N, C-alpha and C. Protein backbone atom coordinates (compact mmCIF):
# COMPACT_ATOMS: atom_id res chain seq x y z
N MET A 1 264.19 35.01 79.65
CA MET A 1 264.41 36.11 78.71
C MET A 1 265.91 35.98 78.39
N PRO A 2 266.22 36.29 76.90
CA PRO A 2 267.43 36.13 76.50
C PRO A 2 268.38 37.25 77.22
N LEU A 3 269.69 37.04 77.43
CA LEU A 3 270.44 37.88 77.88
C LEU A 3 271.29 38.76 76.80
N ASP A 4 271.77 40.05 77.09
CA ASP A 4 272.51 40.77 76.31
C ASP A 4 273.90 40.20 76.25
N LEU A 5 274.30 39.60 75.43
CA LEU A 5 275.63 38.93 75.28
C LEU A 5 276.71 39.60 74.53
N SER A 6 276.44 40.89 74.24
CA SER A 6 277.44 41.53 73.36
C SER A 6 278.62 41.77 73.98
N ALA A 7 278.88 42.32 75.03
CA ALA A 7 280.26 42.93 75.72
C ALA A 7 279.85 43.37 77.16
N ARG A 8 280.82 43.52 77.82
CA ARG A 8 280.94 43.98 79.16
C ARG A 8 280.71 45.59 79.09
N ARG A 9 280.53 46.06 80.27
CA ARG A 9 280.53 47.50 80.30
C ARG A 9 281.73 48.24 79.81
N ASP A 10 282.80 47.66 80.01
CA ASP A 10 284.11 48.17 79.54
C ASP A 10 284.39 48.00 78.06
N GLY A 11 283.51 47.22 77.46
CA GLY A 11 283.60 46.98 76.04
C GLY A 11 284.26 45.75 75.60
N ALA A 12 284.93 44.97 76.70
CA ALA A 12 285.67 43.81 76.46
C ALA A 12 284.58 42.57 76.22
N PRO A 13 284.86 41.64 75.35
CA PRO A 13 284.00 40.43 75.24
C PRO A 13 283.59 39.79 76.59
N LEU A 14 282.38 39.17 76.65
CA LEU A 14 281.90 38.76 77.90
C LEU A 14 282.69 37.22 78.01
N ARG A 15 283.06 36.89 79.25
CA ARG A 15 283.65 35.63 79.52
C ARG A 15 282.65 34.68 79.98
N VAL A 16 282.29 33.76 79.26
CA VAL A 16 281.09 32.66 79.31
C VAL A 16 281.67 31.41 79.88
N ALA A 17 280.87 30.97 80.95
CA ALA A 17 281.20 29.65 81.52
C ALA A 17 280.22 28.61 81.15
N GLY A 18 280.45 27.51 80.55
CA GLY A 18 279.65 26.40 80.20
C GLY A 18 279.49 25.71 81.47
N VAL A 19 278.52 25.06 81.78
CA VAL A 19 278.18 24.27 83.04
C VAL A 19 277.45 23.07 82.73
N ASP A 20 277.96 22.06 83.17
CA ASP A 20 277.19 20.69 83.21
C ASP A 20 277.56 19.76 84.28
N GLU A 21 276.78 18.66 84.21
CA GLU A 21 276.80 17.64 85.29
C GLU A 21 277.09 16.41 84.81
N ALA A 22 277.56 15.32 85.71
CA ALA A 22 277.41 14.01 85.39
C ALA A 22 277.07 13.17 86.57
N GLY A 23 276.13 12.30 86.45
CA GLY A 23 275.86 11.40 87.65
C GLY A 23 274.58 11.76 88.48
N ARG A 24 273.52 12.18 87.82
CA ARG A 24 272.36 12.41 88.37
C ARG A 24 271.63 11.21 88.68
N GLY A 25 271.69 10.28 87.72
CA GLY A 25 270.98 8.93 87.71
C GLY A 25 271.47 7.79 88.54
N PRO A 26 272.72 7.71 88.85
CA PRO A 26 273.31 6.37 89.36
C PRO A 26 272.74 6.41 90.79
N LEU A 27 272.86 5.10 91.33
CA LEU A 27 272.52 4.82 92.70
C LEU A 27 273.55 4.87 93.67
N ALA A 28 274.79 5.15 93.11
CA ALA A 28 275.85 5.45 94.14
C ALA A 28 276.87 6.34 93.63
N GLY A 29 277.66 6.87 94.47
CA GLY A 29 278.66 8.04 94.08
C GLY A 29 278.23 9.49 93.98
N PRO A 30 278.94 10.31 93.79
CA PRO A 30 278.69 11.68 93.69
C PRO A 30 278.08 12.14 92.57
N VAL A 31 277.49 13.24 92.62
CA VAL A 31 276.97 14.13 91.31
C VAL A 31 278.25 15.04 91.08
N VAL A 32 278.71 15.17 89.85
CA VAL A 32 279.89 15.89 89.63
C VAL A 32 279.57 17.04 88.66
N VAL A 33 279.90 18.30 88.92
CA VAL A 33 279.59 19.48 88.25
C VAL A 33 280.91 20.15 87.70
N ALA A 34 280.87 20.55 86.49
CA ALA A 34 282.04 21.31 85.93
C ALA A 34 281.62 22.53 85.35
N ALA A 35 282.52 23.39 85.33
CA ALA A 35 282.31 24.76 84.75
C ALA A 35 283.64 25.18 83.88
N VAL A 36 283.54 25.56 82.83
CA VAL A 36 284.62 25.86 81.83
C VAL A 36 284.57 27.20 81.19
N VAL A 37 285.52 27.92 81.25
CA VAL A 37 285.71 29.23 80.54
C VAL A 37 286.62 29.14 79.64
N PHE A 38 286.43 29.45 78.26
CA PHE A 38 287.24 29.54 77.16
C PHE A 38 287.45 31.08 76.77
N ALA A 39 288.64 31.52 76.19
CA ALA A 39 288.77 32.73 75.90
C ALA A 39 287.78 33.12 74.89
N PRO A 40 287.29 34.43 74.75
CA PRO A 40 286.41 34.85 73.57
C PRO A 40 286.96 34.47 72.28
N GLY A 41 286.05 34.15 71.40
CA GLY A 41 286.68 33.78 69.88
C GLY A 41 286.64 32.30 69.82
N ARG A 42 287.59 31.80 68.96
CA ARG A 42 287.69 30.46 68.56
C ARG A 42 288.00 29.48 69.69
N THR A 43 287.16 28.55 69.86
CA THR A 43 287.48 27.65 71.04
C THR A 43 288.74 26.89 70.72
N PRO A 44 289.75 26.82 71.60
CA PRO A 44 290.99 26.43 71.44
C PRO A 44 291.16 24.82 71.51
N VAL A 45 290.02 24.10 71.43
CA VAL A 45 290.01 22.50 71.44
C VAL A 45 289.19 22.19 70.47
N ASN A 46 289.76 21.45 69.58
CA ASN A 46 289.03 20.71 68.42
C ASN A 46 288.31 19.27 68.91
N GLY A 47 287.18 19.02 68.26
CA GLY A 47 286.68 17.54 68.62
C GLY A 47 285.58 17.52 69.74
N LEU A 48 285.27 18.62 70.23
CA LEU A 48 284.37 18.84 71.38
C LEU A 48 282.80 18.24 70.96
N ASP A 49 282.29 17.59 71.81
CA ASP A 49 280.94 16.90 71.64
C ASP A 49 280.26 16.71 73.04
N ASP A 50 279.10 16.40 72.94
CA ASP A 50 278.29 15.84 74.17
C ASP A 50 279.13 14.68 74.73
N SER A 51 279.37 14.66 75.93
CA SER A 51 280.44 13.55 76.49
C SER A 51 279.81 12.12 76.11
N LYS A 52 278.38 12.00 76.20
CA LYS A 52 277.75 10.75 75.89
C LYS A 52 278.10 10.35 74.40
N GLN A 53 278.48 11.18 73.58
CA GLN A 53 278.75 10.84 72.13
C GLN A 53 280.18 10.46 71.84
N LEU A 54 281.00 10.41 72.95
CA LEU A 54 282.42 10.08 72.81
C LEU A 54 282.82 8.84 73.42
N THR A 55 283.84 8.22 72.98
CA THR A 55 284.29 7.18 73.60
C THR A 55 285.05 7.66 74.91
N ALA A 56 285.32 6.59 75.92
CA ALA A 56 286.05 6.92 76.94
C ALA A 56 287.47 7.44 76.74
N GLU A 57 288.10 6.66 75.76
CA GLU A 57 289.44 7.32 75.38
C GLU A 57 289.47 8.63 74.71
N ARG A 58 288.45 8.97 74.02
CA ARG A 58 288.49 10.33 73.39
C ARG A 58 288.13 11.36 74.56
N ARG A 59 287.40 10.96 75.42
CA ARG A 59 286.92 11.94 76.59
C ARG A 59 288.25 12.22 77.37
N GLU A 60 289.14 11.21 77.61
CA GLU A 60 290.27 11.33 78.48
C GLU A 60 291.30 12.27 77.74
N ALA A 61 291.43 12.06 76.37
CA ALA A 61 292.24 12.87 75.69
C ALA A 61 291.75 14.47 75.56
N LEU A 62 290.61 14.62 75.43
CA LEU A 62 290.03 15.99 75.43
C LEU A 62 290.00 16.54 76.91
N TYR A 63 289.84 15.84 77.94
CA TYR A 63 290.00 16.43 79.16
C TYR A 63 291.41 17.12 79.41
N GLU A 64 292.43 16.44 79.07
CA GLU A 64 293.72 17.01 79.08
C GLU A 64 293.93 18.44 78.24
N ARG A 65 293.27 18.24 77.11
CA ARG A 65 293.33 19.50 76.35
C ARG A 65 292.52 20.64 76.98
N ILE A 66 291.45 20.37 77.61
CA ILE A 66 290.50 21.30 78.12
C ILE A 66 291.19 22.04 79.29
N VAL A 67 291.71 21.27 80.18
CA VAL A 67 292.26 21.91 81.42
C VAL A 67 293.53 22.66 81.10
N GLU A 68 294.29 22.23 79.93
CA GLU A 68 295.26 23.02 79.64
C GLU A 68 295.08 24.35 78.93
N ARG A 69 293.87 24.33 78.09
CA ARG A 69 293.68 25.63 77.29
C ARG A 69 292.63 26.42 77.59
N ALA A 70 291.77 26.00 78.69
CA ALA A 70 290.68 26.82 79.18
C ALA A 70 291.32 28.10 79.89
N VAL A 71 290.69 29.02 80.01
CA VAL A 71 291.06 30.32 80.76
C VAL A 71 290.79 29.98 82.25
N ALA A 72 289.86 29.21 82.50
CA ALA A 72 289.29 28.86 83.85
C ALA A 72 288.48 27.64 83.86
N TRP A 73 288.59 26.82 84.91
CA TRP A 73 287.82 25.65 85.10
C TRP A 73 287.71 25.11 86.41
N HIS A 74 286.68 24.66 86.75
CA HIS A 74 286.46 24.06 88.04
C HIS A 74 285.62 22.87 88.16
N ILE A 75 286.06 21.76 88.96
CA ILE A 75 285.06 20.62 88.94
C ILE A 75 284.62 20.38 90.51
N GLU A 76 283.37 20.31 90.67
CA GLU A 76 282.73 20.18 91.98
C GLU A 76 282.22 19.00 92.27
N PHE A 77 282.35 18.27 93.31
CA PHE A 77 281.93 17.02 93.83
C PHE A 77 280.77 17.26 94.88
N VAL A 78 279.68 16.76 94.57
CA VAL A 78 278.57 16.75 95.66
C VAL A 78 278.44 15.23 96.20
N ASP A 79 278.83 15.13 97.40
CA ASP A 79 278.77 13.85 97.72
C ASP A 79 277.50 13.12 98.21
N VAL A 80 277.60 11.84 98.54
CA VAL A 80 276.45 11.13 98.67
C VAL A 80 275.45 11.70 99.85
N GLU A 81 276.23 11.99 100.98
CA GLU A 81 275.46 12.53 102.07
C GLU A 81 274.64 13.87 101.82
N GLU A 82 275.04 14.70 101.01
CA GLU A 82 274.39 15.97 100.54
C GLU A 82 273.28 15.64 99.65
N ILE A 83 273.60 14.72 98.78
CA ILE A 83 272.54 14.18 97.79
C ILE A 83 271.33 13.65 98.58
N ASP A 84 271.61 12.86 99.60
CA ASP A 84 270.50 12.28 100.39
C ASP A 84 269.81 13.26 101.32
N ARG A 85 270.62 14.27 101.68
CA ARG A 85 269.90 15.37 102.55
C ARG A 85 269.08 16.40 101.65
N LEU A 86 269.57 16.71 100.53
CA LEU A 86 268.94 17.68 99.74
C LEU A 86 267.89 17.18 98.65
N ASN A 87 268.16 16.06 98.21
CA ASN A 87 267.67 15.38 97.10
C ASN A 87 268.52 15.49 95.89
N ILE A 88 268.37 14.78 94.80
CA ILE A 88 269.40 14.89 93.70
C ILE A 88 269.15 16.18 92.85
N TYR A 89 268.04 16.77 92.83
CA TYR A 89 267.95 17.93 92.11
C TYR A 89 268.55 19.13 92.68
N HIS A 90 268.13 19.29 94.12
CA HIS A 90 268.86 20.33 94.70
C HIS A 90 270.23 20.15 95.03
N ALA A 91 270.76 19.09 95.00
CA ALA A 91 272.14 18.70 95.32
C ALA A 91 272.97 19.16 93.83
N THR A 92 272.35 18.83 92.76
CA THR A 92 272.84 19.25 91.45
C THR A 92 273.01 20.65 91.36
N MET A 93 271.94 21.50 91.64
CA MET A 93 271.77 22.92 91.67
C MET A 93 273.01 23.53 92.68
N THR A 94 273.00 23.01 93.79
CA THR A 94 273.98 23.32 94.67
C THR A 94 275.48 23.24 94.11
N GLY A 95 275.72 22.25 93.55
CA GLY A 95 276.96 21.89 92.97
C GLY A 95 277.26 22.86 91.80
N MET A 96 276.22 23.29 91.00
CA MET A 96 276.40 24.21 89.87
C MET A 96 276.79 25.66 90.60
N SER A 97 276.00 26.03 91.39
CA SER A 97 276.32 27.37 92.14
C SER A 97 277.83 27.36 92.71
N ARG A 98 278.20 26.28 93.29
CA ARG A 98 279.47 26.29 93.90
C ARG A 98 280.57 26.29 92.90
N ALA A 99 280.35 25.73 91.73
CA ALA A 99 281.34 25.65 90.90
C ALA A 99 281.59 27.12 90.19
N LEU A 100 280.54 27.68 89.97
CA LEU A 100 280.53 29.02 89.35
C LEU A 100 281.21 29.94 90.45
N PHE A 101 280.87 29.85 91.72
CA PHE A 101 281.40 30.72 92.69
C PHE A 101 283.07 30.52 92.80
N CYS A 102 283.35 29.20 92.62
CA CYS A 102 284.76 29.02 92.68
C CYS A 102 285.56 29.76 91.38
N LEU A 103 284.90 29.94 90.38
CA LEU A 103 285.62 30.62 89.31
C LEU A 103 285.64 32.09 89.54
N GLY A 104 284.81 32.56 90.50
CA GLY A 104 285.19 34.05 90.98
C GLY A 104 284.97 35.05 89.68
N HIS A 105 285.72 35.99 89.52
CA HIS A 105 285.73 37.01 88.70
C HIS A 105 286.02 36.57 87.13
N SER A 106 286.22 35.27 86.91
CA SER A 106 286.61 34.74 85.62
C SER A 106 285.30 34.71 84.75
N VAL A 107 284.24 34.90 85.16
CA VAL A 107 282.96 34.62 84.76
C VAL A 107 281.92 35.93 84.52
N ASP A 108 281.47 36.11 83.58
CA ASP A 108 280.43 37.19 83.44
C ASP A 108 279.10 36.63 83.12
N VAL A 109 278.89 35.58 82.47
CA VAL A 109 277.59 34.91 82.26
C VAL A 109 277.98 33.29 82.22
N ALA A 110 276.85 32.57 82.76
CA ALA A 110 276.98 31.16 82.69
C ALA A 110 275.85 30.66 81.57
N ARG A 111 276.29 29.70 80.95
CA ARG A 111 275.42 28.77 80.21
C ARG A 111 275.30 27.41 80.88
N ILE A 112 274.03 27.07 81.37
CA ILE A 112 273.89 26.06 82.19
C ILE A 112 273.05 24.95 81.37
N ASP A 113 273.42 23.83 81.06
CA ASP A 113 272.80 22.72 80.52
C ASP A 113 271.40 22.40 81.26
N GLY A 114 270.27 22.23 80.45
CA GLY A 114 269.12 21.92 81.28
C GLY A 114 268.14 23.11 81.03
N ASN A 115 266.98 22.94 81.87
CA ASN A 115 265.87 23.95 81.82
C ASN A 115 265.72 24.65 83.12
N ALA A 116 266.59 24.72 84.06
CA ALA A 116 266.58 25.48 85.27
C ALA A 116 268.01 25.79 85.77
N LEU A 117 267.77 26.88 86.55
CA LEU A 117 268.81 27.73 87.05
C LEU A 117 268.96 27.69 88.43
N PRO A 118 270.16 27.39 89.08
CA PRO A 118 270.29 27.34 90.69
C PRO A 118 269.74 28.91 91.18
N ARG A 119 269.38 29.04 92.36
CA ARG A 119 268.80 30.28 92.90
C ARG A 119 269.91 31.07 93.11
N SER A 120 270.96 30.58 93.64
CA SER A 120 272.22 31.51 94.11
C SER A 120 273.25 31.47 93.13
N LEU A 121 273.69 32.40 92.26
CA LEU A 121 274.63 32.50 91.37
C LEU A 121 275.54 33.67 91.48
N PRO A 122 276.73 33.75 91.14
CA PRO A 122 277.58 35.00 91.07
C PRO A 122 277.63 35.72 89.96
N CYS A 123 276.77 35.39 88.92
CA CYS A 123 276.75 36.06 87.62
C CYS A 123 275.52 35.86 86.98
N MET A 124 275.28 36.58 85.76
CA MET A 124 274.07 36.18 85.01
C MET A 124 274.23 34.86 84.49
N ALA A 125 272.92 34.32 84.16
CA ALA A 125 273.05 32.84 83.63
C ALA A 125 271.92 32.57 82.81
N GLU A 126 271.98 31.64 81.82
CA GLU A 126 271.00 31.16 81.01
C GLU A 126 270.95 29.63 81.08
N ALA A 127 269.75 29.13 81.04
CA ALA A 127 269.50 27.68 80.94
C ALA A 127 269.39 27.28 79.45
N TRP A 128 270.22 26.35 79.03
CA TRP A 128 270.17 25.86 77.69
C TRP A 128 269.85 24.49 77.68
N ILE A 129 268.55 24.07 77.10
CA ILE A 129 268.22 22.74 77.01
C ILE A 129 268.85 22.11 75.83
N GLY A 130 269.55 21.05 76.04
CA GLY A 130 270.34 20.33 75.07
C GLY A 130 271.49 21.13 74.91
N GLY A 131 271.88 21.77 75.82
CA GLY A 131 273.35 22.71 75.74
C GLY A 131 274.51 21.92 75.38
N ASP A 132 274.52 20.57 75.94
CA ASP A 132 275.75 19.81 75.68
C ASP A 132 275.96 19.42 74.32
N ALA A 133 274.96 19.65 73.26
CA ALA A 133 275.06 19.31 71.91
C ALA A 133 275.02 20.76 71.27
N ARG A 134 275.06 21.95 71.78
CA ARG A 134 274.85 23.09 71.25
C ARG A 134 275.94 24.18 71.37
N ASP A 135 276.57 24.07 72.66
CA ASP A 135 277.55 25.00 73.05
C ASP A 135 278.73 24.43 73.44
N ARG A 136 279.91 24.89 72.91
CA ARG A 136 281.23 24.24 73.08
C ARG A 136 281.81 24.32 74.60
N SER A 137 281.53 25.27 75.12
CA SER A 137 281.92 25.48 76.64
C SER A 137 281.15 24.48 77.56
N ILE A 138 279.86 24.27 76.98
CA ILE A 138 279.05 23.27 77.74
C ILE A 138 279.50 21.95 77.48
N MET A 139 279.90 21.66 76.31
CA MET A 139 280.55 20.43 75.87
C MET A 139 281.71 20.15 76.71
N ALA A 140 282.41 21.09 76.82
CA ALA A 140 283.79 20.87 77.52
C ALA A 140 283.57 20.53 79.00
N ALA A 141 282.45 21.20 79.59
CA ALA A 141 282.21 20.94 80.98
C ALA A 141 281.62 19.50 81.23
N SER A 142 280.92 19.19 80.09
CA SER A 142 280.36 17.77 80.35
C SER A 142 281.53 16.74 80.11
N ILE A 143 282.48 17.04 79.42
CA ILE A 143 283.51 16.09 79.42
C ILE A 143 284.28 16.05 80.69
N LEU A 144 284.62 17.34 81.25
CA LEU A 144 285.46 17.38 82.55
C LEU A 144 284.54 16.65 83.57
N ALA A 145 283.15 16.77 83.82
CA ALA A 145 282.37 16.32 84.87
C ALA A 145 282.44 14.63 84.54
N LYS A 146 282.23 14.30 83.35
CA LYS A 146 282.17 12.75 83.12
C LYS A 146 283.34 12.02 83.52
N VAL A 147 284.54 12.57 82.84
CA VAL A 147 285.71 11.94 83.18
C VAL A 147 286.23 11.95 84.65
N ALA A 148 285.98 12.99 85.25
CA ALA A 148 286.22 13.12 86.79
C ALA A 148 285.39 12.12 87.56
N ARG A 149 284.09 12.00 87.19
CA ARG A 149 283.24 11.14 87.95
C ARG A 149 283.56 9.63 87.57
N ASP A 150 284.12 9.25 86.37
CA ASP A 150 284.23 8.02 85.98
C ASP A 150 285.73 7.61 86.83
N ARG A 151 286.58 8.59 86.72
CA ARG A 151 287.89 8.16 87.50
C ARG A 151 287.54 7.99 89.02
N TYR A 152 286.54 8.75 89.54
CA TYR A 152 286.13 8.59 90.97
C TYR A 152 285.64 7.27 91.24
N MET A 153 284.70 6.81 90.28
CA MET A 153 284.06 5.60 90.54
C MET A 153 284.92 4.33 90.30
N LYS A 154 286.10 4.55 89.68
CA LYS A 154 287.09 3.49 89.64
C LYS A 154 287.63 3.30 90.85
N THR A 155 288.04 4.41 91.52
CA THR A 155 288.61 4.26 92.92
C THR A 155 287.67 3.68 93.90
N LEU A 156 286.29 3.77 93.76
CA LEU A 156 285.42 3.16 94.67
C LEU A 156 285.45 1.68 94.25
N HIS A 157 285.76 1.36 93.16
CA HIS A 157 285.78 -0.07 92.90
C HIS A 157 286.82 -0.73 93.50
N GLU A 158 287.97 -0.16 93.67
CA GLU A 158 289.03 -0.63 94.50
C GLU A 158 288.60 -0.90 95.97
N GLN A 159 287.78 -0.04 96.41
CA GLN A 159 287.40 -0.12 97.75
C GLN A 159 286.24 -1.26 98.00
N TRP A 160 285.41 -1.23 97.04
CA TRP A 160 284.24 -2.14 97.10
C TRP A 160 284.12 -3.10 95.75
N PRO A 161 284.93 -3.94 95.41
CA PRO A 161 284.98 -4.45 94.07
C PRO A 161 283.83 -5.28 93.78
N MET A 162 283.07 -5.78 94.83
CA MET A 162 281.97 -6.73 94.60
C MET A 162 280.86 -6.08 93.82
N TYR A 163 280.76 -4.78 93.84
CA TYR A 163 279.74 -3.84 93.10
C TYR A 163 280.06 -3.64 91.55
N ARG A 164 281.26 -3.65 91.26
CA ARG A 164 281.70 -3.43 89.95
C ARG A 164 281.37 -2.11 89.53
N PHE A 165 281.74 -1.17 90.23
CA PHE A 165 281.60 0.26 89.93
C PHE A 165 282.48 0.70 88.84
N ASP A 166 283.31 0.05 88.33
CA ASP A 166 284.34 0.22 87.45
C ASP A 166 283.68 -0.01 86.00
N GLN A 167 282.47 -0.88 86.00
CA GLN A 167 281.81 -1.34 84.85
C GLN A 167 280.57 -0.34 84.57
N HIS A 168 279.82 -0.06 85.61
CA HIS A 168 278.57 0.65 85.30
C HIS A 168 278.33 2.09 85.97
N LYS A 169 279.59 2.38 86.72
CA LYS A 169 279.70 3.74 87.40
C LYS A 169 278.65 4.06 88.25
N GLY A 170 277.90 3.00 88.82
CA GLY A 170 276.87 3.19 89.86
C GLY A 170 275.45 3.29 89.34
N TYR A 171 275.40 3.12 87.88
CA TYR A 171 273.87 3.14 87.44
C TYR A 171 273.38 1.79 87.69
N SER A 172 271.86 1.61 87.61
CA SER A 172 271.19 0.54 88.15
C SER A 172 271.02 -0.48 87.00
N THR A 173 272.21 -1.04 86.71
CA THR A 173 272.34 -2.12 85.70
C THR A 173 271.95 -3.45 86.42
N PRO A 174 271.62 -4.41 85.61
CA PRO A 174 271.35 -5.73 86.27
C PRO A 174 272.51 -6.32 87.09
N VAL A 175 273.64 -6.07 86.77
CA VAL A 175 274.90 -6.42 87.50
C VAL A 175 275.00 -5.78 88.75
N HIS A 176 274.76 -4.34 88.81
CA HIS A 176 274.73 -3.56 89.97
C HIS A 176 273.58 -4.00 90.93
N LEU A 177 272.27 -4.10 90.41
CA LEU A 177 271.29 -4.66 91.40
C LEU A 177 271.56 -5.88 91.87
N ALA A 178 272.05 -6.93 91.19
CA ALA A 178 272.46 -8.14 91.65
C ALA A 178 273.32 -8.00 92.90
N ALA A 179 274.46 -7.37 92.71
CA ALA A 179 275.37 -7.15 93.90
C ALA A 179 274.71 -6.33 95.05
N LEU A 180 273.91 -5.40 94.77
CA LEU A 180 273.13 -4.59 95.77
C LEU A 180 272.26 -5.67 96.58
N ALA A 181 271.58 -6.53 95.80
CA ALA A 181 270.68 -7.45 96.63
C ALA A 181 271.59 -8.47 97.41
N GLN A 182 272.72 -8.87 96.98
CA GLN A 182 273.45 -9.78 97.68
C GLN A 182 274.21 -9.30 98.79
N HIS A 183 274.85 -8.09 98.62
CA HIS A 183 275.63 -7.43 99.57
C HIS A 183 275.07 -6.52 100.50
N GLY A 184 274.02 -5.76 99.94
CA GLY A 184 273.36 -4.64 100.54
C GLY A 184 274.12 -3.43 100.19
N PRO A 185 273.81 -2.29 100.67
CA PRO A 185 274.52 -0.97 100.06
C PRO A 185 275.70 -0.69 101.01
N CYS A 186 276.67 -0.15 100.30
CA CYS A 186 278.04 0.35 100.79
C CYS A 186 277.75 1.87 101.28
N PRO A 187 278.76 2.48 102.08
CA PRO A 187 278.54 3.80 102.27
C PRO A 187 278.37 4.81 101.09
N GLN A 188 278.72 4.39 99.86
CA GLN A 188 278.61 5.30 98.80
C GLN A 188 277.32 5.13 98.07
N HIS A 189 276.33 4.36 98.42
CA HIS A 189 275.07 4.07 97.85
C HIS A 189 274.04 5.18 98.42
N ARG A 190 273.22 5.71 97.44
CA ARG A 190 272.34 6.84 97.76
C ARG A 190 271.10 6.39 98.50
N ARG A 191 270.96 6.41 99.77
CA ARG A 191 269.81 5.96 100.48
C ARG A 191 268.54 6.52 100.02
N SER A 192 268.47 7.64 99.45
CA SER A 192 267.30 8.35 99.14
C SER A 192 266.75 7.84 97.68
N PHE A 193 267.40 6.88 97.25
CA PHE A 193 266.96 6.25 95.77
C PHE A 193 266.38 4.91 96.12
N ALA A 194 265.25 4.69 95.40
CA ALA A 194 264.36 3.73 95.77
C ALA A 194 264.91 2.26 95.77
N PRO A 195 265.85 1.80 94.65
CA PRO A 195 266.35 0.59 94.68
C PRO A 195 267.26 0.33 95.94
N VAL A 196 268.07 1.38 96.30
CA VAL A 196 268.85 1.34 97.61
C VAL A 196 268.01 1.07 98.80
N ARG A 197 266.93 1.83 98.91
CA ARG A 197 266.04 1.74 100.12
C ARG A 197 265.42 0.15 100.04
N ALA A 198 265.08 -0.24 98.68
CA ALA A 198 264.68 -1.84 98.73
C ALA A 198 265.43 -2.69 99.07
N ALA A 199 266.75 -2.45 98.85
CA ALA A 199 267.98 -3.50 99.05
C ALA A 199 268.04 -3.45 100.73
N MET A 200 267.96 -2.35 101.20
CA MET A 200 268.13 -2.29 102.78
C MET A 200 266.98 -3.07 103.42
N GLN A 201 265.75 -3.07 102.79
CA GLN A 201 264.69 -3.75 103.18
C GLN A 201 264.54 -5.16 102.84
N GLY A 202 265.43 -5.55 102.08
CA GLY A 202 265.35 -7.03 101.58
C GLY A 202 264.39 -7.43 100.54
N LEU A 203 264.05 -6.23 99.89
CA LEU A 203 262.99 -6.35 98.74
C LEU A 203 263.67 -6.86 97.51
N PRO A 204 262.88 -7.44 96.44
CA PRO A 204 263.50 -7.79 95.15
C PRO A 204 263.89 -6.61 94.28
N LEU A 205 264.90 -6.74 93.72
CA LEU A 205 265.20 -5.52 92.91
C LEU A 205 265.31 -5.92 91.38
N GLY A 206 264.88 -7.14 90.86
CA GLY A 206 264.96 -7.52 89.42
C GLY A 206 264.35 -6.63 88.54
N ASP A 207 263.11 -6.03 88.81
CA ASP A 207 262.55 -5.31 87.83
C ASP A 207 262.79 -3.54 87.79
N MET A 208 264.02 -3.32 88.70
CA MET A 208 264.39 -1.99 88.83
C MET A 208 265.71 -1.62 87.88
N ALA A 209 266.12 -2.36 86.95
CA ALA A 209 267.07 -2.18 86.18
C ALA A 209 266.84 -1.18 85.05
N THR A 210 267.69 -0.15 84.95
CA THR A 210 267.46 0.98 84.06
C THR A 210 267.68 0.58 82.56
N THR A 211 267.21 1.33 81.72
CA THR A 211 267.30 0.97 80.30
C THR A 211 268.41 1.97 79.78
N LEU A 212 268.99 2.67 80.61
CA LEU A 212 269.94 3.60 80.28
C LEU A 212 271.15 2.94 79.79
N VAL A 213 271.78 3.37 78.62
CA VAL A 213 273.04 2.90 78.15
C VAL A 213 274.11 3.51 78.90
N VAL A 214 274.89 2.77 79.60
CA VAL A 214 275.99 3.42 80.43
C VAL A 214 277.35 3.40 79.47
N GLU A 215 277.84 4.76 79.55
CA GLU A 215 279.13 4.97 78.69
C GLU A 215 280.24 4.03 79.39
N ASP A 216 281.28 3.88 78.48
CA ASP A 216 282.48 3.28 78.84
C ASP A 216 283.14 4.02 79.97
């Protein structure tokens, strides 16, 4: 059901948080959720878009503007152990809930990219299918989540350079699968994902490469 987004009871404009994630599909690394609140009215950051439509350089520049000009923002990392324990869907929902709880009283309503809402939230919420192309606060959240996760995956590359996390960010590309088959999984690989389980069992991984285009 659509929410009444006219105003708060005191007549002030509602504070809306956009929420999005990065990293549901990769075989390694965390899933990262971001929530962003802009002041009501004109969004104070130009050039926002779905993070997948932007170059890495453009995302980095927008990241700095978003964290500088947002009323409130939070980035939540859900680590591999929690992903494997809960499964990726519930881990993502948990991350969204925690991100909004961390914003506290800065939020009246959340707009969450996708078609599902976490069960436990501190505020009203709407699920927006394709929200990262429709709502500017969700666009901002998608950029924060993507940049934060990409930066983290580059640090993982420094620890385990044989996997080339800096190139594919953990997605199941041929390069990643070849390294996984040769070296086996590292502690940052998601054991609940089929290609990682197959690598642990010494099974061939050649037909498991994703067709997903991995952004820079």
